[in-house]
Amino acid sequence: FIDCVTSLFNFFSTGGVVSITLEQPELSVTKSVTRTVKLSCRFQGVSIIHWYILRPNEALQRILYYESAAKNGYDQGFNNMSFRAEKKNDECFLVIYNLEMSDTATYYCARWD
């Protein structure tokens, strides 16, 4: 199964407090091998979303970042054949195709400068 964790971030700037909220509403998602899963990240005040994977007994890895439909960046070891990000209104989705047992992990959405 695939777990998602709810995340809430507040960032501070020299001009005062900038409130940025990221929320992953589904705490747990279970899908069968070879299926497709769509993980959600709701946000406010964010333009670029980063998606990370934390597999058991491994270091946290960034999968990709989503800036716009025309601009996605994949980190080494990840590609658009297995992973894709898409955005609708104030929600960004990580779509994982053709699930494998190795996709069992905790997935995080994040924002950073």
N, C-alpha and C. Protein backbone atom coordinates (compact mmCIF):
# COMPACT_ATOMS: atom_id res chain seq x y z
N PHE A 1 0.84 -1.18 0.00
CA PHE A 1 0.00 0.00 0.00
C PHE A 1 0.88 1.24 0.00
N ILE A 2 0.28 2.38 -0.28
CA ILE A 2 1.00 3.64 -0.35
C ILE A 2 0.44 4.55 0.73
N ASP A 3 1.31 5.10 1.56
CA ASP A 3 0.88 6.01 2.62
C ASP A 3 1.18 7.45 2.23
N CYS A 4 0.29 8.33 2.61
CA CYS A 4 0.51 9.77 2.44
C CYS A 4 0.40 10.42 3.80
N VAL A 5 1.20 11.42 4.03
CA VAL A 5 1.22 12.09 5.32
C VAL A 5 0.78 13.53 5.15
N THR A 6 -0.04 14.01 6.06
CA THR A 6 -0.48 15.39 6.03
C THR A 6 0.65 16.31 6.47
N SER A 7 0.84 17.38 5.72
CA SER A 7 1.93 18.31 6.01
C SER A 7 1.39 19.73 6.05
N LEU A 8 1.83 20.51 7.02
CA LEU A 8 1.46 21.91 7.13
C LEU A 8 2.74 22.71 7.33
N PHE A 9 2.95 23.71 6.48
CA PHE A 9 4.17 24.50 6.52
C PHE A 9 3.84 25.97 6.69
N ASN A 10 4.58 26.67 7.49
CA ASN A 10 4.52 28.13 7.57
C ASN A 10 5.92 28.66 7.31
N PHE A 11 6.05 29.61 6.40
CA PHE A 11 7.34 30.18 6.07
C PHE A 11 7.35 31.65 6.52
N PHE A 12 8.51 32.10 6.91
CA PHE A 12 8.66 33.47 7.37
C PHE A 12 9.58 34.22 6.42
N SER A 13 9.27 35.46 6.16
CA SER A 13 10.12 36.29 5.32
C SER A 13 10.46 37.55 6.08
N THR A 14 11.41 38.31 5.56
CA THR A 14 11.83 39.54 6.24
C THR A 14 10.71 40.57 6.26
N GLY A 15 9.74 40.46 5.38
CA GLY A 15 8.64 41.40 5.33
C GLY A 15 7.48 41.02 6.23
N GLY A 16 7.62 39.99 7.02
CA GLY A 16 6.54 39.54 7.88
C GLY A 16 6.29 38.06 7.68
N VAL A 17 5.15 37.62 8.12
CA VAL A 17 4.81 36.20 8.02
C VAL A 17 4.13 35.93 6.69
N VAL A 18 4.60 34.93 5.99
CA VAL A 18 3.97 34.46 4.77
C VAL A 18 3.39 33.09 5.08
N SER A 19 2.11 32.96 4.99
CA SER A 19 1.47 31.69 5.33
C SER A 19 1.32 30.84 4.07
N ILE A 20 1.93 29.69 4.10
CA ILE A 20 1.84 28.74 3.00
C ILE A 20 1.34 27.43 3.58
N THR A 21 0.28 26.92 3.03
CA THR A 21 -0.30 25.70 3.53
C THR A 21 -0.23 24.61 2.47
N LEU A 22 0.26 23.46 2.86
CA LEU A 22 0.22 22.26 2.02
C LEU A 22 -0.49 21.19 2.82
N GLU A 23 -1.43 20.52 2.20
CA GLU A 23 -2.18 19.48 2.91
C GLU A 23 -2.36 18.28 2.00
N GLN A 24 -2.03 17.12 2.51
CA GLN A 24 -2.29 15.87 1.80
C GLN A 24 -3.48 15.21 2.50
N PRO A 25 -4.68 15.31 1.91
CA PRO A 25 -5.89 14.89 2.60
C PRO A 25 -6.02 13.39 2.84
N GLU A 26 -5.41 12.57 2.03
CA GLU A 26 -5.52 11.11 2.19
C GLU A 26 -4.32 10.60 2.98
N LEU A 27 -4.58 10.06 4.16
CA LEU A 27 -3.48 9.56 4.98
C LEU A 27 -2.99 8.21 4.50
N SER A 28 -3.84 7.46 3.84
CA SER A 28 -3.42 6.15 3.36
C SER A 28 -4.19 5.80 2.09
N VAL A 29 -3.47 5.25 1.12
CA VAL A 29 -4.07 4.82 -0.13
C VAL A 29 -3.54 3.43 -0.43
N THR A 30 -4.43 2.52 -0.77
CA THR A 30 -4.03 1.16 -1.11
C THR A 30 -4.50 0.83 -2.53
N LYS A 31 -3.57 0.38 -3.36
CA LYS A 31 -3.89 -0.01 -4.74
C LYS A 31 -3.16 -1.30 -5.07
N SER A 32 -3.67 -2.03 -6.02
CA SER A 32 -3.05 -3.28 -6.45
C SER A 32 -1.89 -3.00 -7.40
N VAL A 33 -0.97 -3.95 -7.46
CA VAL A 33 0.14 -3.89 -8.40
C VAL A 33 -0.43 -3.78 -9.81
N THR A 34 0.25 -3.02 -10.65
CA THR A 34 -0.08 -2.71 -12.06
C THR A 34 -1.17 -1.64 -12.20
N ARG A 35 -1.78 -1.20 -11.11
CA ARG A 35 -2.80 -0.15 -11.18
C ARG A 35 -2.15 1.22 -11.19
N THR A 36 -2.96 2.26 -11.31
CA THR A 36 -2.52 3.65 -11.26
C THR A 36 -3.10 4.29 -10.01
N VAL A 37 -2.30 5.15 -9.36
CA VAL A 37 -2.78 5.86 -8.18
C VAL A 37 -2.55 7.35 -8.40
N LYS A 38 -3.44 8.16 -7.84
CA LYS A 38 -3.35 9.62 -7.94
C LYS A 38 -3.38 10.19 -6.53
N LEU A 39 -2.25 10.75 -6.09
CA LEU A 39 -2.12 11.33 -4.75
C LEU A 39 -2.33 12.83 -4.83
N SER A 40 -3.02 13.37 -3.85
CA SER A 40 -3.41 14.78 -3.86
C SER A 40 -2.61 15.61 -2.86
N CYS A 41 -2.34 16.84 -3.25
CA CYS A 41 -1.71 17.83 -2.36
C CYS A 41 -2.44 19.15 -2.58
N ARG A 42 -3.17 19.60 -1.56
CA ARG A 42 -3.86 20.89 -1.64
C ARG A 42 -2.91 21.97 -1.15
N PHE A 43 -2.99 23.14 -1.76
CA PHE A 43 -2.05 24.20 -1.40
C PHE A 43 -2.69 25.57 -1.52
N GLN A 44 -2.07 26.52 -0.82
CA GLN A 44 -2.40 27.93 -0.94
C GLN A 44 -1.10 28.70 -0.92
N GLY A 45 -0.97 29.68 -1.77
CA GLY A 45 0.20 30.54 -1.77
C GLY A 45 1.46 29.88 -2.28
N VAL A 46 1.33 28.90 -3.15
CA VAL A 46 2.49 28.15 -3.64
C VAL A 46 2.44 28.11 -5.16
N SER A 47 3.60 28.25 -5.79
CA SER A 47 3.62 28.13 -7.24
C SER A 47 4.30 26.85 -7.70
N ILE A 48 5.33 26.40 -7.00
CA ILE A 48 6.06 25.19 -7.38
C ILE A 48 5.89 24.14 -6.28
N ILE A 49 5.47 22.95 -6.68
CA ILE A 49 5.29 21.83 -5.75
C ILE A 49 6.33 20.77 -6.04
N HIS A 50 6.94 20.25 -5.00
CA HIS A 50 7.91 19.17 -5.10
C HIS A 50 7.29 17.92 -4.50
N TRP A 51 7.52 16.77 -5.14
CA TRP A 51 7.04 15.49 -4.63
C TRP A 51 8.24 14.63 -4.24
N TYR A 52 8.14 14.04 -3.05
CA TYR A 52 9.22 13.21 -2.49
C TYR A 52 8.69 11.81 -2.18
N ILE A 53 9.61 10.86 -2.16
CA ILE A 53 9.29 9.49 -1.77
C ILE A 53 10.23 9.06 -0.65
N LEU A 54 9.66 8.39 0.35
CA LEU A 54 10.45 7.82 1.44
C LEU A 54 10.12 6.34 1.52
N ARG A 55 11.02 5.54 0.97
CA ARG A 55 10.86 4.08 1.01
C ARG A 55 11.42 3.56 2.33
N PRO A 56 10.92 2.43 2.80
CA PRO A 56 11.43 1.86 4.05
C PRO A 56 12.95 1.64 3.99
N ASN A 57 13.63 2.09 5.03
CA ASN A 57 15.08 1.91 5.18
C ASN A 57 15.90 2.61 4.11
N GLU A 58 15.36 3.66 3.48
CA GLU A 58 16.09 4.43 2.47
C GLU A 58 15.99 5.91 2.81
N ALA A 59 16.86 6.69 2.19
CA ALA A 59 16.85 8.14 2.37
C ALA A 59 15.69 8.75 1.56
N LEU A 60 15.23 9.90 2.01
CA LEU A 60 14.21 10.66 1.30
C LEU A 60 14.75 11.06 -0.07
N GLN A 61 13.96 10.89 -1.12
CA GLN A 61 14.36 11.26 -2.48
C GLN A 61 13.30 12.13 -3.11
N ARG A 62 13.74 13.16 -3.85
CA ARG A 62 12.77 13.95 -4.60
C ARG A 62 12.48 13.22 -5.92
N ILE A 63 11.22 13.09 -6.24
CA ILE A 63 10.80 12.47 -7.49
C ILE A 63 10.80 13.50 -8.61
N LEU A 64 10.12 14.62 -8.35
CA LEU A 64 9.96 15.64 -9.38
C LEU A 64 9.48 16.94 -8.75
N TYR A 65 9.51 17.99 -9.55
CA TYR A 65 8.85 19.23 -9.15
C TYR A 65 7.90 19.62 -10.27
N TYR A 66 6.84 20.30 -9.89
CA TYR A 66 5.82 20.75 -10.84
C TYR A 66 5.75 22.26 -10.77
N GLU A 67 6.03 22.90 -11.90
CA GLU A 67 5.91 24.36 -11.97
C GLU A 67 4.71 24.74 -12.84
N SER A 68 4.55 24.04 -13.94
CA SER A 68 3.41 24.25 -14.83
C SER A 68 3.27 23.01 -15.71
N ALA A 69 2.19 22.95 -16.47
CA ALA A 69 1.99 21.78 -17.33
C ALA A 69 3.15 21.62 -18.31
N ALA A 70 3.79 22.72 -18.66
CA ALA A 70 4.89 22.67 -19.62
C ALA A 70 6.25 22.54 -18.94
N LYS A 71 6.29 22.65 -17.62
CA LYS A 71 7.58 22.63 -16.93
C LYS A 71 7.54 21.73 -15.71
N ASN A 72 8.05 20.53 -15.89
CA ASN A 72 8.23 19.56 -14.81
C ASN A 72 9.68 19.15 -14.82
N GLY A 73 10.23 18.90 -13.66
CA GLY A 73 11.61 18.44 -13.58
C GLY A 73 11.68 17.14 -12.82
N TYR A 74 12.29 16.15 -13.44
CA TYR A 74 12.43 14.83 -12.82
C TYR A 74 13.83 14.67 -12.28
N ASP A 75 13.94 14.12 -11.08
CA ASP A 75 15.25 13.82 -10.52
C ASP A 75 15.73 12.48 -11.06
N GLN A 76 17.03 12.26 -10.91
CA GLN A 76 17.66 11.05 -11.43
C GLN A 76 16.96 9.80 -10.89
N GLY A 77 16.68 8.86 -11.77
CA GLY A 77 16.03 7.63 -11.37
C GLY A 77 14.52 7.65 -11.50
N PHE A 78 13.96 8.80 -11.85
CA PHE A 78 12.52 8.94 -12.00
C PHE A 78 12.22 9.51 -13.38
N ASN A 79 11.10 9.10 -13.98
CA ASN A 79 10.76 9.58 -15.32
C ASN A 79 9.25 9.66 -15.50
N ASN A 80 8.86 10.24 -16.64
CA ASN A 80 7.43 10.44 -16.89
C ASN A 80 6.72 9.17 -17.35
N MET A 81 7.42 8.06 -17.47
CA MET A 81 6.76 6.80 -17.79
C MET A 81 6.10 6.21 -16.53
N SER A 82 6.64 6.54 -15.36
CA SER A 82 6.10 6.01 -14.10
C SER A 82 5.42 7.07 -13.25
N PHE A 83 5.90 8.31 -13.33
CA PHE A 83 5.40 9.39 -12.47
C PHE A 83 5.04 10.60 -13.32
N ARG A 84 3.97 11.28 -12.89
CA ARG A 84 3.60 12.54 -13.53
C ARG A 84 2.91 13.42 -12.50
N ALA A 85 3.13 14.70 -12.61
CA ALA A 85 2.42 15.66 -11.75
C ALA A 85 1.45 16.44 -12.62
N GLU A 86 0.32 16.76 -12.05
CA GLU A 86 -0.65 17.59 -12.74
C GLU A 86 -1.33 18.49 -11.71
N LYS A 87 -1.87 19.59 -12.18
CA LYS A 87 -2.45 20.58 -11.28
C LYS A 87 -3.85 20.94 -11.74
N LYS A 88 -4.74 21.10 -10.77
CA LYS A 88 -6.09 21.57 -11.05
C LYS A 88 -6.48 22.51 -9.92
N ASN A 89 -6.69 23.77 -10.24
CA ASN A 89 -7.01 24.80 -9.26
C ASN A 89 -5.95 24.83 -8.16
N ASP A 90 -6.35 24.65 -6.90
CA ASP A 90 -5.40 24.68 -5.78
C ASP A 90 -5.02 23.28 -5.32
N GLU A 91 -4.88 22.37 -6.27
CA GLU A 91 -4.54 20.99 -5.95
C GLU A 91 -3.53 20.48 -6.97
N CYS A 92 -2.49 19.84 -6.46
CA CYS A 92 -1.48 19.22 -7.31
C CYS A 92 -1.54 17.71 -7.05
N PHE A 93 -1.44 16.94 -8.11
CA PHE A 93 -1.53 15.48 -8.00
C PHE A 93 -0.23 14.84 -8.44
N LEU A 94 0.15 13.79 -7.75
CA LEU A 94 1.22 12.92 -8.20
C LEU A 94 0.55 11.65 -8.70
N VAL A 95 0.73 11.36 -9.98
CA VAL A 95 0.15 10.17 -10.59
C VAL A 95 1.27 9.15 -10.76
N ILE A 96 1.04 7.94 -10.25
CA ILE A 96 2.02 6.86 -10.36
C ILE A 96 1.37 5.76 -11.19
N TYR A 97 2.01 5.44 -12.30
CA TYR A 97 1.48 4.44 -13.23
C TYR A 97 2.08 3.07 -12.98
N ASN A 98 1.32 2.04 -13.34
CA ASN A 98 1.81 0.66 -13.33
C ASN A 98 2.53 0.35 -12.02
N LEU A 99 1.81 0.47 -10.92
CA LEU A 99 2.40 0.29 -9.59
C LEU A 99 3.16 -1.03 -9.45
N GLU A 100 4.28 -0.93 -8.75
CA GLU A 100 5.09 -2.10 -8.41
C GLU A 100 5.21 -2.15 -6.89
N MET A 101 5.62 -3.28 -6.37
CA MET A 101 5.81 -3.41 -4.92
C MET A 101 6.83 -2.38 -4.41
N SER A 102 7.80 -2.03 -5.24
CA SER A 102 8.82 -1.06 -4.83
C SER A 102 8.26 0.35 -4.68
N ASP A 103 7.02 0.58 -5.13
CA ASP A 103 6.37 1.88 -4.95
C ASP A 103 5.73 2.02 -3.57
N THR A 104 5.75 0.96 -2.77
CA THR A 104 5.25 1.03 -1.40
C THR A 104 6.15 1.98 -0.63
N ALA A 105 5.58 3.11 -0.18
CA ALA A 105 6.39 4.16 0.44
C ALA A 105 5.48 5.23 1.03
N THR A 106 6.10 6.19 1.67
CA THR A 106 5.42 7.40 2.11
C THR A 106 5.78 8.50 1.11
N TYR A 107 4.77 9.21 0.63
CA TYR A 107 4.97 10.27 -0.36
C TYR A 107 4.64 11.62 0.28
N TYR A 108 5.48 12.60 0.00
CA TYR A 108 5.31 13.94 0.57
C TYR A 108 5.26 14.97 -0.54
N CYS A 109 4.40 15.96 -0.37
CA CYS A 109 4.48 17.14 -1.22
C CYS A 109 5.14 18.23 -0.37
N ALA A 110 5.87 19.11 -1.04
CA ALA A 110 6.59 20.15 -0.30
C ALA A 110 6.73 21.39 -1.17
N ARG A 111 7.07 22.48 -0.52
CA ARG A 111 7.39 23.73 -1.18
C ARG A 111 8.65 24.27 -0.55
N TRP A 112 9.58 24.72 -1.37
CA TRP A 112 10.79 25.38 -0.86
C TRP A 112 11.31 26.33 -1.91
N ASP A 113 12.12 27.29 -1.48
CA ASP A 113 12.70 28.27 -2.40
C ASP A 113 13.98 27.76 -2.99
